[in-house]
């Protein structure tokens, strides 16, 4: 599962560095990436990737029970025990054990703004508040990732992007579709969670350069 985690973070960090951090060889990673696999192995690898990206997205705070709930609500059928097994294989351990106090690491604090909505998901006019999120769509072979942007005034989806990987470009494309279709004025709030894609410098710069205020979720 460490290989799946590396694959999920391609584009965020150099593969060589990630292999060093996780104690695996780069040649082993590429061998795993290119080897032939059965259908069951492909499904497991896809689920490993989803678990790894979701684990990172929620800042390592979700253990197997909460991850299983998150995935099942997204349409990915999996049991708590199976998620726990894959997490153990990948050495993914939640930071929520007894006596643990969460301190975000430096990377997690990068590009994090205040939560401007403070759970007020109402709007008095169009293009006052938008929200963006990523969801998983199960396919016959693996998963697809759907990023959407919704205007909280009309509850209408105004931007979306679909891809086979969860990258920064996925959310940027969804945002750009929304932006190009509206008359946006400076001061618009765009709310999201604190997933690694939404924390990316490229995405944050895209918003701020257009006078949009990012508002990640601190819950």
N, C-alpha and C. Protein backbone atom coordinates (compact mmCIF):
# COMPACT_ATOMS: atom_id res chain seq x y z
N UNK A 1 0.82 -1.21 0.00
CA UNK A 1 0.00 0.00 0.00
C UNK A 1 0.86 1.26 0.00
N UNK A 2 2.12 1.11 0.42
CA UNK A 2 3.01 2.26 0.36
C UNK A 2 3.23 2.70 -1.09
N UNK A 3 3.27 1.72 -2.00
CA UNK A 3 3.39 2.07 -3.41
C UNK A 3 2.16 2.84 -3.89
N UNK A 4 0.98 2.40 -3.43
CA UNK A 4 -0.26 3.09 -3.81
C UNK A 4 -0.25 4.53 -3.30
N UNK A 5 0.27 4.73 -2.09
CA UNK A 5 0.35 6.07 -1.52
C UNK A 5 1.27 6.94 -2.36
N UNK A 6 2.41 6.37 -2.78
CA UNK A 6 3.34 7.12 -3.63
C UNK A 6 2.66 7.53 -4.93
N UNK A 7 1.93 6.57 -5.54
CA UNK A 7 1.24 6.88 -6.80
C UNK A 7 0.21 7.97 -6.61
N UNK A 8 -0.47 7.97 -5.46
CA UNK A 8 -1.50 8.98 -5.21
C UNK A 8 -0.92 10.37 -5.04
N UNK A 9 0.36 10.47 -4.68
CA UNK A 9 0.98 11.76 -4.41
C UNK A 9 1.91 12.22 -5.53
N UNK A 10 1.91 11.49 -6.66
CA UNK A 10 2.74 11.91 -7.80
C UNK A 10 2.31 13.30 -8.24
N UNK A 11 3.27 14.17 -8.41
CA UNK A 11 2.98 15.55 -8.75
C UNK A 11 3.10 16.48 -7.55
N UNK A 12 2.95 15.89 -6.35
CA UNK A 12 3.11 16.68 -5.12
C UNK A 12 4.54 16.60 -4.61
N UNK A 13 5.17 15.43 -4.73
CA UNK A 13 6.54 15.22 -4.26
C UNK A 13 7.29 14.37 -5.28
N UNK A 14 8.60 14.44 -5.27
CA UNK A 14 9.42 13.62 -6.16
C UNK A 14 9.30 12.15 -5.75
N UNK A 15 9.19 11.26 -6.73
CA UNK A 15 9.04 9.84 -6.44
C UNK A 15 10.23 9.31 -5.64
N UNK A 16 11.43 9.74 -5.98
CA UNK A 16 12.62 9.27 -5.26
C UNK A 16 12.57 9.64 -3.79
N UNK A 17 12.13 10.86 -3.50
CA UNK A 17 12.02 11.29 -2.11
C UNK A 17 10.97 10.49 -1.36
N UNK A 18 9.82 10.26 -1.99
CA UNK A 18 8.75 9.52 -1.32
C UNK A 18 9.18 8.07 -1.05
N UNK A 19 9.91 7.48 -1.99
CA UNK A 19 10.42 6.12 -1.76
C UNK A 19 11.34 6.10 -0.56
N UNK A 20 12.19 7.12 -0.44
CA UNK A 20 13.09 7.21 0.71
C UNK A 20 12.34 7.38 2.01
N UNK A 21 11.32 8.23 2.01
CA UNK A 21 10.53 8.45 3.22
C UNK A 21 9.83 7.18 3.68
N UNK A 22 9.35 6.37 2.73
CA UNK A 22 8.57 5.18 3.07
C UNK A 22 9.41 3.92 3.13
N UNK A 23 10.71 4.03 2.88
CA UNK A 23 11.59 2.88 3.02
C UNK A 23 11.43 1.84 1.92
N UNK A 24 11.13 2.27 0.70
CA UNK A 24 11.02 1.35 -0.43
C UNK A 24 11.93 1.83 -1.54
N UNK A 25 12.26 0.95 -2.48
CA UNK A 25 13.14 1.32 -3.58
C UNK A 25 12.35 1.87 -4.74
N UNK A 26 12.97 2.76 -5.49
CA UNK A 26 12.31 3.32 -6.67
C UNK A 26 12.08 2.24 -7.72
N UNK A 27 13.05 1.32 -7.86
CA UNK A 27 12.89 0.23 -8.83
C UNK A 27 11.73 -0.67 -8.43
N UNK A 28 11.58 -0.90 -7.11
CA UNK A 28 10.46 -1.70 -6.63
C UNK A 28 9.13 -1.04 -6.92
N UNK A 29 9.10 0.29 -6.77
CA UNK A 29 7.87 1.03 -7.06
C UNK A 29 7.49 0.89 -8.53
N UNK A 30 8.45 1.08 -9.45
CA UNK A 30 8.15 1.00 -10.87
C UNK A 30 7.80 -0.43 -11.29
N UNK A 31 8.43 -1.40 -10.64
CA UNK A 31 8.08 -2.79 -10.92
C UNK A 31 6.65 -3.07 -10.52
N UNK A 32 6.26 -2.55 -9.34
CA UNK A 32 4.87 -2.70 -8.89
C UNK A 32 3.91 -1.97 -9.81
N UNK A 33 4.32 -0.82 -10.29
CA UNK A 33 3.46 0.01 -11.13
C UNK A 33 3.19 -0.65 -12.48
N UNK A 34 4.19 -1.37 -13.01
CA UNK A 34 4.09 -1.89 -14.37
C UNK A 34 3.75 -3.38 -14.45
N UNK A 35 3.70 -4.05 -13.33
CA UNK A 35 3.47 -5.50 -13.39
C UNK A 35 2.02 -5.80 -13.77
N UNK A 36 1.82 -6.95 -14.38
CA UNK A 36 0.47 -7.38 -14.72
C UNK A 36 -0.29 -7.76 -13.46
N UNK A 37 -1.55 -7.46 -13.41
CA UNK A 37 -2.34 -7.74 -12.21
C UNK A 37 -3.68 -8.36 -12.60
N UNK A 38 -4.23 -9.12 -11.66
CA UNK A 38 -5.55 -9.70 -11.85
C UNK A 38 -6.61 -8.64 -11.57
N UNK A 39 -7.86 -8.97 -11.89
CA UNK A 39 -8.95 -8.02 -11.65
C UNK A 39 -9.09 -7.72 -10.16
N UNK A 40 -8.96 -8.75 -9.33
CA UNK A 40 -9.08 -8.53 -7.89
C UNK A 40 -7.94 -7.68 -7.37
N UNK A 41 -6.74 -7.90 -7.93
CA UNK A 41 -5.60 -7.08 -7.52
C UNK A 41 -5.78 -5.64 -7.98
N UNK A 42 -6.36 -5.46 -9.16
CA UNK A 42 -6.59 -4.10 -9.65
C UNK A 42 -7.59 -3.37 -8.76
N UNK A 43 -8.63 -4.10 -8.33
CA UNK A 43 -9.61 -3.48 -7.45
C UNK A 43 -8.97 -3.11 -6.11
N UNK A 44 -8.14 -4.02 -5.59
CA UNK A 44 -7.48 -3.72 -4.32
C UNK A 44 -6.54 -2.53 -4.46
N UNK A 45 -5.81 -2.47 -5.56
CA UNK A 45 -4.90 -1.34 -5.77
C UNK A 45 -5.66 -0.03 -5.89
N UNK A 46 -6.81 -0.09 -6.57
CA UNK A 46 -7.63 1.12 -6.70
C UNK A 46 -8.13 1.57 -5.33
N UNK A 47 -8.56 0.59 -4.52
CA UNK A 47 -9.04 0.93 -3.20
C UNK A 47 -7.90 1.44 -2.31
N UNK A 48 -6.71 0.85 -2.46
CA UNK A 48 -5.54 1.33 -1.71
C UNK A 48 -5.26 2.79 -2.04
N UNK A 49 -5.38 3.12 -3.31
CA UNK A 49 -5.12 4.50 -3.74
C UNK A 49 -6.16 5.44 -3.15
N UNK A 50 -7.43 5.03 -3.18
CA UNK A 50 -8.48 5.87 -2.62
C UNK A 50 -8.29 6.06 -1.13
N UNK A 51 -7.96 4.97 -0.42
CA UNK A 51 -7.72 5.06 1.02
C UNK A 51 -6.56 6.00 1.31
N UNK A 52 -5.47 5.86 0.54
CA UNK A 52 -4.30 6.70 0.77
C UNK A 52 -4.60 8.17 0.53
N UNK A 53 -5.31 8.49 -0.55
CA UNK A 53 -5.62 9.89 -0.83
C UNK A 53 -6.62 10.45 0.17
N UNK A 54 -7.58 9.64 0.58
CA UNK A 54 -8.56 10.10 1.58
C UNK A 54 -7.88 10.28 2.93
N UNK A 55 -6.98 9.38 3.27
CA UNK A 55 -6.22 9.48 4.52
C UNK A 55 -5.43 10.78 4.57
N UNK A 56 -4.79 11.11 3.46
CA UNK A 56 -4.03 12.36 3.38
C UNK A 56 -4.96 13.56 3.39
N UNK A 57 -6.10 13.43 2.70
CA UNK A 57 -7.03 14.55 2.59
C UNK A 57 -7.55 14.99 3.95
N UNK A 58 -7.76 14.04 4.84
CA UNK A 58 -8.28 14.36 6.17
C UNK A 58 -7.16 14.41 7.22
N UNK A 59 -5.96 14.75 6.75
CA UNK A 59 -4.83 15.09 7.63
C UNK A 59 -4.46 13.98 8.59
N UNK A 60 -4.60 12.74 8.14
CA UNK A 60 -4.18 11.56 8.92
C UNK A 60 -5.00 11.39 10.20
N UNK A 61 -6.16 12.02 10.29
CA UNK A 61 -6.96 11.93 11.51
C UNK A 61 -8.00 10.83 11.46
N UNK A 62 -8.29 10.29 10.27
CA UNK A 62 -9.33 9.27 10.14
C UNK A 62 -8.74 7.88 10.23
N UNK A 63 -9.25 7.07 11.17
CA UNK A 63 -8.91 5.66 11.23
C UNK A 63 -9.81 4.86 10.33
N UNK A 64 -9.70 3.52 10.41
CA UNK A 64 -10.47 2.65 9.53
C UNK A 64 -11.98 2.87 9.63
N UNK A 65 -12.58 3.01 10.83
CA UNK A 65 -14.04 3.18 10.90
C UNK A 65 -14.52 4.43 10.16
N UNK A 66 -13.85 5.56 10.38
CA UNK A 66 -14.30 6.80 9.74
C UNK A 66 -13.99 6.80 8.24
N UNK A 67 -12.86 6.19 7.86
CA UNK A 67 -12.55 6.10 6.44
C UNK A 67 -13.57 5.21 5.73
N UNK A 68 -13.96 4.11 6.36
CA UNK A 68 -14.96 3.21 5.76
C UNK A 68 -16.28 3.94 5.56
N UNK A 69 -16.69 4.74 6.53
CA UNK A 69 -17.92 5.52 6.40
C UNK A 69 -17.80 6.50 5.24
N UNK A 70 -16.68 7.21 5.17
CA UNK A 70 -16.45 8.19 4.12
C UNK A 70 -16.53 7.53 2.74
N UNK A 71 -15.89 6.37 2.60
CA UNK A 71 -15.85 5.70 1.30
C UNK A 71 -17.21 5.13 0.92
N UNK A 72 -17.90 4.53 1.88
CA UNK A 72 -19.22 3.97 1.59
C UNK A 72 -20.22 5.06 1.22
N UNK A 73 -20.13 6.21 1.87
CA UNK A 73 -21.02 7.32 1.52
C UNK A 73 -20.71 7.87 0.13
N UNK A 74 -19.48 7.64 -0.33
CA UNK A 74 -19.09 8.07 -1.67
C UNK A 74 -19.42 7.02 -2.72
N UNK A 75 -20.02 5.89 -2.29
CA UNK A 75 -20.41 4.85 -3.23
C UNK A 75 -19.41 3.73 -3.38
N UNK A 76 -18.37 3.72 -2.55
CA UNK A 76 -17.35 2.68 -2.61
C UNK A 76 -17.62 1.68 -1.50
N UNK A 77 -18.08 0.49 -1.86
CA UNK A 77 -18.46 -0.50 -0.87
C UNK A 77 -17.21 -1.16 -0.28
N UNK A 78 -17.05 -1.04 1.03
CA UNK A 78 -15.91 -1.66 1.70
C UNK A 78 -16.23 -1.79 3.18
N UNK A 79 -15.67 -2.81 3.80
CA UNK A 79 -15.90 -3.04 5.23
C UNK A 79 -14.81 -2.37 6.06
N UNK A 80 -15.11 -2.14 7.32
CA UNK A 80 -14.13 -1.55 8.23
C UNK A 80 -12.90 -2.46 8.34
N UNK A 81 -13.14 -3.76 8.46
CA UNK A 81 -12.02 -4.70 8.61
C UNK A 81 -11.10 -4.68 7.39
N UNK A 82 -11.70 -4.58 6.19
CA UNK A 82 -10.88 -4.57 4.98
C UNK A 82 -10.07 -3.28 4.89
N UNK A 83 -10.70 -2.16 5.24
CA UNK A 83 -9.98 -0.89 5.25
C UNK A 83 -8.84 -0.93 6.27
N UNK A 84 -9.13 -1.50 7.44
CA UNK A 84 -8.11 -1.61 8.49
C UNK A 84 -6.93 -2.47 8.01
N UNK A 85 -7.25 -3.56 7.31
CA UNK A 85 -6.20 -4.44 6.79
C UNK A 85 -5.30 -3.71 5.80
N UNK A 86 -5.91 -2.97 4.87
CA UNK A 86 -5.12 -2.24 3.87
C UNK A 86 -4.33 -1.11 4.50
N UNK A 87 -4.91 -0.47 5.51
CA UNK A 87 -4.17 0.58 6.21
C UNK A 87 -2.96 0.01 6.93
N UNK A 88 -3.12 -1.15 7.55
CA UNK A 88 -2.01 -1.79 8.27
C UNK A 88 -0.91 -2.18 7.30
N UNK A 89 -1.29 -2.70 6.12
CA UNK A 89 -0.30 -3.08 5.12
C UNK A 89 0.49 -1.87 4.63
N UNK A 90 -0.18 -0.74 4.60
CA UNK A 90 0.47 0.48 4.13
C UNK A 90 1.06 1.34 5.23
N UNK A 91 1.04 0.84 6.46
CA UNK A 91 1.57 1.58 7.62
C UNK A 91 0.91 2.94 7.78
N UNK A 92 -0.40 2.99 7.54
CA UNK A 92 -1.17 4.23 7.71
C UNK A 92 -1.87 4.16 9.05
N UNK A 93 -1.45 4.98 9.98
CA UNK A 93 -2.01 4.98 11.32
C UNK A 93 -2.56 6.36 11.65
N UNK A 94 -3.83 6.40 12.04
CA UNK A 94 -4.49 7.69 12.31
C UNK A 94 -3.90 8.34 13.55
N UNK A 95 -3.87 9.68 13.51
CA UNK A 95 -3.36 10.46 14.63
C UNK A 95 -4.46 10.80 15.63
N UNK A 96 -5.21 9.81 16.02
CA UNK A 96 -6.33 10.09 16.92
C UNK A 96 -6.39 9.10 18.08
N UNK A 97 -5.25 8.52 18.41
CA UNK A 97 -5.22 7.57 19.51
C UNK A 97 -5.42 8.26 20.85
N UNK A 98 -5.64 7.47 21.91
CA UNK A 98 -5.86 8.01 23.24
C UNK A 98 -4.67 8.86 23.68
N UNK A 99 -4.98 10.06 24.14
CA UNK A 99 -3.93 10.95 24.63
C UNK A 99 -3.23 11.72 23.53
N UNK A 100 -3.63 11.50 22.28
CA UNK A 100 -2.98 12.20 21.19
C UNK A 100 -3.58 13.58 20.99
N UNK A 101 -2.74 14.56 20.82
CA UNK A 101 -3.17 15.91 20.50
C UNK A 101 -2.65 16.25 19.12
N UNK A 102 -3.55 16.63 18.23
CA UNK A 102 -3.17 16.84 16.83
C UNK A 102 -2.48 18.17 16.64
N UNK A 103 -1.30 18.12 16.02
CA UNK A 103 -0.58 19.32 15.62
C UNK A 103 -0.29 19.19 14.14
N UNK A 104 -0.93 19.99 13.29
CA UNK A 104 -0.68 19.88 11.85
C UNK A 104 0.79 20.12 11.54
N UNK A 105 1.33 19.33 10.58
CA UNK A 105 2.71 19.55 10.21
C UNK A 105 2.83 20.80 9.34
N UNK A 106 4.06 21.17 9.03
CA UNK A 106 4.28 22.41 8.31
C UNK A 106 3.60 22.40 6.96
N UNK A 107 3.69 21.26 6.26
CA UNK A 107 3.08 21.19 4.94
C UNK A 107 1.58 21.37 5.03
N UNK A 108 0.95 20.78 6.05
CA UNK A 108 -0.50 20.88 6.18
C UNK A 108 -0.95 22.30 6.49
N UNK A 109 -0.05 23.11 7.08
CA UNK A 109 -0.43 24.49 7.41
C UNK A 109 -0.23 25.44 6.24
N UNK A 110 0.50 24.99 5.20
CA UNK A 110 0.74 25.84 4.05
C UNK A 110 -0.56 26.17 3.34
N UNK A 111 -0.73 27.43 3.00
CA UNK A 111 -1.88 27.86 2.21
C UNK A 111 -3.21 27.57 2.89
N UNK A 112 -3.30 27.69 4.20
CA UNK A 112 -4.56 27.45 4.91
C UNK A 112 -5.10 28.79 5.40
N UNK A 113 -6.27 29.16 4.93
CA UNK A 113 -6.91 30.41 5.31
C UNK A 113 -7.92 30.16 6.42
N UNK A 114 -8.51 31.22 6.91
CA UNK A 114 -9.57 31.07 7.91
C UNK A 114 -10.79 30.41 7.29
N UNK A 115 -11.58 29.77 8.14
CA UNK A 115 -12.85 29.21 7.70
C UNK A 115 -13.87 30.34 7.70
N UNK A 116 -14.03 30.99 6.56
CA UNK A 116 -14.84 32.20 6.48
C UNK A 116 -16.33 31.91 6.58
N UNK A 117 -16.77 30.72 6.19
CA UNK A 117 -18.20 30.42 6.24
C UNK A 117 -18.67 30.14 7.66
N UNK A 118 -17.83 29.50 8.46
CA UNK A 118 -18.19 29.13 9.84
C UNK A 118 -19.55 28.44 9.88
N UNK A 119 -19.72 27.48 8.98
CA UNK A 119 -20.91 26.63 8.89
C UNK A 119 -22.19 27.39 8.49
N UNK A 120 -22.02 28.59 7.98
CA UNK A 120 -23.18 29.33 7.46
C UNK A 120 -23.25 29.09 5.95
N UNK A 121 -23.98 28.05 5.55
CA UNK A 121 -24.05 27.67 4.14
C UNK A 121 -25.27 28.29 3.46
N UNK A 122 -25.52 29.54 3.77
CA UNK A 122 -26.58 30.28 3.09
C UNK A 122 -25.95 31.49 2.40
N UNK A 123 -26.63 31.98 1.38
CA UNK A 123 -26.14 33.14 0.64
C UNK A 123 -27.32 34.04 0.29
N UNK A 124 -27.07 35.33 0.24
CA UNK A 124 -28.12 36.30 -0.06
C UNK A 124 -28.18 36.68 -1.52
N UNK A 125 -27.16 36.31 -2.28
CA UNK A 125 -27.13 36.68 -3.70
C UNK A 125 -26.24 35.69 -4.46
N UNK A 126 -26.40 35.61 -5.77
CA UNK A 126 -25.54 34.72 -6.56
C UNK A 126 -24.08 35.12 -6.47
N UNK A 127 -23.21 34.16 -6.53
CA UNK A 127 -21.76 34.38 -6.55
C UNK A 127 -21.26 35.10 -5.30
N UNK A 128 -21.94 34.87 -4.19
CA UNK A 128 -21.45 35.37 -2.90
C UNK A 128 -20.62 34.30 -2.20
N UNK A 129 -21.11 33.05 -2.27
CA UNK A 129 -20.42 31.93 -1.64
C UNK A 129 -20.51 30.70 -2.56
N UNK A 130 -19.36 30.11 -2.82
CA UNK A 130 -19.31 28.84 -3.55
C UNK A 130 -18.71 27.78 -2.64
N UNK A 131 -19.00 26.53 -2.93
CA UNK A 131 -18.34 25.42 -2.25
C UNK A 131 -17.81 24.46 -3.31
N UNK A 132 -16.71 23.80 -2.99
CA UNK A 132 -16.10 22.84 -3.91
C UNK A 132 -15.75 21.57 -3.16
N UNK A 133 -15.88 20.44 -3.84
CA UNK A 133 -15.55 19.16 -3.20
C UNK A 133 -15.19 18.15 -4.28
N UNK A 134 -14.59 17.04 -3.84
CA UNK A 134 -14.22 15.93 -4.71
C UNK A 134 -14.94 14.68 -4.22
N UNK A 135 -15.48 13.90 -5.13
CA UNK A 135 -16.12 12.64 -4.77
C UNK A 135 -15.60 11.54 -5.67
N UNK A 136 -15.83 10.28 -5.24
CA UNK A 136 -15.37 9.12 -6.00
C UNK A 136 -16.54 8.49 -6.73
N UNK A 137 -16.29 8.01 -7.94
CA UNK A 137 -17.31 7.31 -8.72
C UNK A 137 -16.78 5.91 -9.04
N UNK A 138 -17.39 4.86 -8.47
CA UNK A 138 -16.90 3.50 -8.74
C UNK A 138 -17.18 3.09 -10.18
N UNK A 139 -16.19 2.50 -10.84
CA UNK A 139 -16.31 2.00 -12.19
C UNK A 139 -16.08 0.49 -12.19
N UNK A 140 -16.26 -0.16 -13.32
CA UNK A 140 -16.02 -1.60 -13.39
C UNK A 140 -14.56 -1.93 -13.13
N UNK A 141 -13.67 -0.98 -13.47
CA UNK A 141 -12.25 -1.16 -13.21
C UNK A 141 -11.71 0.09 -12.53
N UNK A 142 -11.76 0.12 -11.22
CA UNK A 142 -11.22 1.25 -10.47
C UNK A 142 -12.25 2.32 -10.19
N UNK A 143 -11.77 3.57 -10.11
CA UNK A 143 -12.62 4.69 -9.74
C UNK A 143 -12.30 5.90 -10.60
N UNK A 144 -13.28 6.78 -10.71
CA UNK A 144 -13.07 8.09 -11.32
C UNK A 144 -13.27 9.14 -10.23
N UNK A 145 -12.71 10.31 -10.43
CA UNK A 145 -12.79 11.38 -9.45
C UNK A 145 -13.54 12.57 -10.06
N UNK A 146 -14.53 13.04 -9.35
CA UNK A 146 -15.36 14.15 -9.82
C UNK A 146 -15.21 15.34 -8.88
N UNK A 147 -14.75 16.46 -9.41
CA UNK A 147 -14.67 17.71 -8.65
C UNK A 147 -15.80 18.62 -9.10
N UNK A 148 -16.48 19.23 -8.15
CA UNK A 148 -17.60 20.11 -8.49
C UNK A 148 -17.48 21.43 -7.74
N UNK A 149 -18.09 22.45 -8.30
CA UNK A 149 -18.23 23.76 -7.64
C UNK A 149 -19.71 24.11 -7.66
N UNK A 150 -20.26 24.47 -6.49
CA UNK A 150 -21.68 24.81 -6.38
C UNK A 150 -21.85 26.21 -5.81
N UNK A 151 -22.81 26.94 -6.38
CA UNK A 151 -23.18 28.26 -5.86
C UNK A 151 -24.19 28.04 -4.74
N UNK A 152 -23.89 28.49 -3.52
CA UNK A 152 -24.77 28.25 -2.39
C UNK A 152 -26.08 29.02 -2.48
N UNK A 153 -26.15 30.05 -3.31
CA UNK A 153 -27.40 30.80 -3.44
C UNK A 153 -28.46 29.98 -4.19
N UNK A 154 -28.09 29.42 -5.32
CA UNK A 154 -29.03 28.66 -6.14
C UNK A 154 -28.93 27.16 -5.93
N UNK A 155 -27.85 26.71 -5.24
CA UNK A 155 -27.56 25.28 -5.06
C UNK A 155 -27.35 24.60 -6.41
N UNK A 156 -26.85 25.35 -7.36
CA UNK A 156 -26.62 24.84 -8.71
C UNK A 156 -25.14 24.53 -8.91
N UNK A 157 -24.85 23.39 -9.56
CA UNK A 157 -23.47 23.07 -9.91
C UNK A 157 -23.08 23.95 -11.09
N UNK A 158 -22.05 24.75 -10.89
CA UNK A 158 -21.66 25.71 -11.92
C UNK A 158 -20.31 25.36 -12.55
N UNK A 159 -19.63 24.36 -11.99
CA UNK A 159 -18.36 23.91 -12.54
C UNK A 159 -18.09 22.48 -12.14
N UNK A 160 -17.48 21.72 -13.04
CA UNK A 160 -17.16 20.34 -12.71
C UNK A 160 -15.99 19.86 -13.57
N UNK A 161 -15.35 18.79 -13.08
CA UNK A 161 -14.25 18.17 -13.82
C UNK A 161 -14.18 16.70 -13.42
N UNK A 162 -13.95 15.83 -14.39
CA UNK A 162 -13.90 14.38 -14.16
C UNK A 162 -12.59 13.84 -14.69
N UNK A 163 -11.92 13.00 -13.88
CA UNK A 163 -10.64 12.43 -14.31
C UNK A 163 -10.42 11.11 -13.60
N UNK A 164 -9.43 10.36 -14.08
CA UNK A 164 -9.10 9.07 -13.47
C UNK A 164 -8.12 9.22 -12.32
N UNK A 165 -7.60 10.42 -12.10
CA UNK A 165 -6.69 10.68 -10.99
C UNK A 165 -7.11 11.93 -10.25
N UNK A 166 -6.76 11.98 -8.96
CA UNK A 166 -7.10 13.13 -8.13
C UNK A 166 -5.89 14.07 -8.08
N UNK A 167 -5.88 15.06 -8.94
CA UNK A 167 -4.75 15.97 -9.06
C UNK A 167 -5.19 17.41 -8.82
N UNK A 168 -4.21 18.30 -8.74
CA UNK A 168 -4.53 19.72 -8.62
C UNK A 168 -5.32 20.20 -9.83
N UNK A 169 -4.98 19.66 -11.01
CA UNK A 169 -5.64 20.11 -12.23
C UNK A 169 -7.12 19.79 -12.21
N UNK A 170 -7.49 18.72 -11.53
CA UNK A 170 -8.90 18.34 -11.43
C UNK A 170 -9.73 19.47 -10.84
N UNK A 171 -9.29 20.01 -9.71
CA UNK A 171 -10.07 21.07 -9.06
C UNK A 171 -9.89 22.41 -9.76
N UNK A 172 -8.74 22.61 -10.37
CA UNK A 172 -8.53 23.85 -11.11
C UNK A 172 -9.47 23.92 -12.31
N UNK A 173 -9.63 22.80 -13.01
CA UNK A 173 -10.53 22.77 -14.17
C UNK A 173 -11.97 23.03 -13.75
N UNK A 174 -12.38 22.43 -12.61
CA UNK A 174 -13.74 22.66 -12.13
C UNK A 174 -13.94 24.13 -11.76
N UNK A 175 -12.95 24.70 -11.09
CA UNK A 175 -13.03 26.12 -10.73
C UNK A 175 -13.08 27.01 -11.96
N UNK A 176 -12.23 26.71 -12.95
CA UNK A 176 -12.17 27.57 -14.13
C UNK A 176 -13.49 27.54 -14.90
N UNK A 177 -14.14 26.37 -14.97
CA UNK A 177 -15.44 26.28 -15.62
C UNK A 177 -16.45 27.18 -14.90
N UNK A 178 -16.44 27.13 -13.57
CA UNK A 178 -17.36 27.95 -12.79
C UNK A 178 -17.07 29.44 -13.00
N UNK A 179 -15.81 29.79 -12.94
CA UNK A 179 -15.42 31.20 -13.07
C UNK A 179 -15.79 31.76 -14.44
N UNK A 180 -15.54 30.98 -15.48
CA UNK A 180 -15.80 31.46 -16.85
C UNK A 180 -17.30 31.61 -17.13
N UNK A 181 -18.13 30.93 -16.36
CA UNK A 181 -19.57 30.96 -16.64
C UNK A 181 -20.32 32.00 -15.80
N UNK A 182 -19.61 32.73 -14.92
CA UNK A 182 -20.28 33.65 -14.01
C UNK A 182 -19.69 35.04 -14.09
N UNK A 183 -20.40 36.00 -13.50
CA UNK A 183 -19.91 37.37 -13.38
C UNK A 183 -19.37 37.54 -11.96
N UNK A 184 -18.14 37.14 -11.75
CA UNK A 184 -17.57 37.08 -10.41
C UNK A 184 -16.95 38.43 -10.04
N UNK A 185 -17.28 38.89 -8.84
CA UNK A 185 -16.69 40.11 -8.31
C UNK A 185 -15.75 39.77 -7.16
N UNK A 186 -14.72 40.60 -6.93
CA UNK A 186 -13.81 40.34 -5.82
C UNK A 186 -14.57 40.22 -4.49
N UNK A 187 -14.13 39.29 -3.65
CA UNK A 187 -14.77 39.09 -2.36
C UNK A 187 -15.55 37.79 -2.28
N UNK A 188 -15.78 37.14 -3.41
CA UNK A 188 -16.46 35.84 -3.41
C UNK A 188 -15.70 34.87 -2.50
N UNK A 189 -16.43 34.11 -1.68
CA UNK A 189 -15.85 33.09 -0.81
C UNK A 189 -16.00 31.73 -1.48
N UNK A 190 -14.89 30.99 -1.58
CA UNK A 190 -14.94 29.63 -2.13
C UNK A 190 -14.49 28.68 -1.03
N UNK A 191 -15.43 27.88 -0.53
CA UNK A 191 -15.19 27.00 0.61
C UNK A 191 -14.88 25.58 0.15
N UNK A 192 -13.95 24.92 0.85
CA UNK A 192 -13.60 23.53 0.56
C UNK A 192 -13.05 22.92 1.84
N UNK A 193 -12.70 21.62 1.77
CA UNK A 193 -11.99 21.03 2.90
C UNK A 193 -10.51 21.39 2.76
N UNK A 194 -9.67 20.80 3.64
CA UNK A 194 -8.25 21.13 3.60
C UNK A 194 -7.45 20.02 2.91
N UNK A 195 -8.06 19.36 1.93
CA UNK A 195 -7.33 18.34 1.18
C UNK A 195 -6.11 18.92 0.49
N UNK A 196 -5.15 18.03 0.21
CA UNK A 196 -3.87 18.49 -0.34
C UNK A 196 -4.06 19.23 -1.66
N UNK A 197 -5.06 18.84 -2.46
CA UNK A 197 -5.27 19.52 -3.73
C UNK A 197 -5.70 20.97 -3.50
N UNK A 198 -6.59 21.18 -2.53
CA UNK A 198 -7.08 22.53 -2.26
C UNK A 198 -6.02 23.39 -1.57
N UNK A 199 -5.00 22.76 -0.96
CA UNK A 199 -3.93 23.52 -0.32
C UNK A 199 -2.82 23.87 -1.29
N UNK A 200 -2.87 23.36 -2.50
CA UNK A 200 -1.77 23.56 -3.43
C UNK A 200 -1.57 25.03 -3.75
N UNK A 201 -0.31 25.41 -3.93
CA UNK A 201 0.00 26.80 -4.23
C UNK A 201 -0.62 27.26 -5.53
N UNK A 202 -0.64 26.38 -6.53
CA UNK A 202 -1.21 26.75 -7.84
C UNK A 202 -2.69 27.08 -7.72
N UNK A 203 -3.43 26.26 -6.97
CA UNK A 203 -4.86 26.50 -6.81
C UNK A 203 -5.11 27.76 -6.00
N UNK A 204 -4.38 27.92 -4.90
CA UNK A 204 -4.56 29.09 -4.05
C UNK A 204 -4.24 30.37 -4.82
N UNK A 205 -3.17 30.33 -5.60
CA UNK A 205 -2.80 31.52 -6.38
C UNK A 205 -3.88 31.84 -7.40
N UNK A 206 -4.46 30.80 -8.01
CA UNK A 206 -5.52 31.00 -9.00
C UNK A 206 -6.69 31.76 -8.39
N UNK A 207 -7.07 31.39 -7.16
CA UNK A 207 -8.19 32.05 -6.49
C UNK A 207 -7.83 33.48 -6.10
N UNK A 208 -6.71 33.63 -5.42
CA UNK A 208 -6.34 34.93 -4.88
C UNK A 208 -6.08 35.95 -5.99
N UNK A 209 -5.56 35.49 -7.13
CA UNK A 209 -5.28 36.41 -8.23
C UNK A 209 -6.56 36.98 -8.83
N UNK A 210 -7.68 36.31 -8.59
CA UNK A 210 -8.96 36.77 -9.09
C UNK A 210 -9.81 37.42 -8.00
N UNK A 211 -9.22 37.67 -6.85
CA UNK A 211 -9.93 38.33 -5.77
C UNK A 211 -10.89 37.44 -5.02
N UNK A 212 -10.72 36.13 -5.13
CA UNK A 212 -11.59 35.16 -4.45
C UNK A 212 -10.94 34.75 -3.13
N UNK A 213 -11.74 34.67 -2.09
CA UNK A 213 -11.24 34.33 -0.76
C UNK A 213 -11.44 32.85 -0.49
N UNK A 214 -10.35 32.06 -0.39
CA UNK A 214 -10.49 30.64 -0.08
C UNK A 214 -10.88 30.44 1.38
N UNK A 215 -11.72 29.43 1.63
CA UNK A 215 -12.19 29.17 2.99
C UNK A 215 -12.19 27.66 3.23
N UNK A 216 -11.07 27.07 3.71
CA UNK A 216 -11.05 25.64 3.98
C UNK A 216 -11.83 25.29 5.23
N UNK A 217 -12.17 24.01 5.36
CA UNK A 217 -12.96 23.51 6.48
C UNK A 217 -12.05 23.08 7.62
N UNK A 218 -12.22 23.67 8.79
CA UNK A 218 -11.39 23.32 9.93
C UNK A 218 -12.01 22.23 10.79
N UNK A 219 -13.19 21.70 10.43
CA UNK A 219 -13.84 20.71 11.27
C UNK A 219 -13.13 19.38 11.18
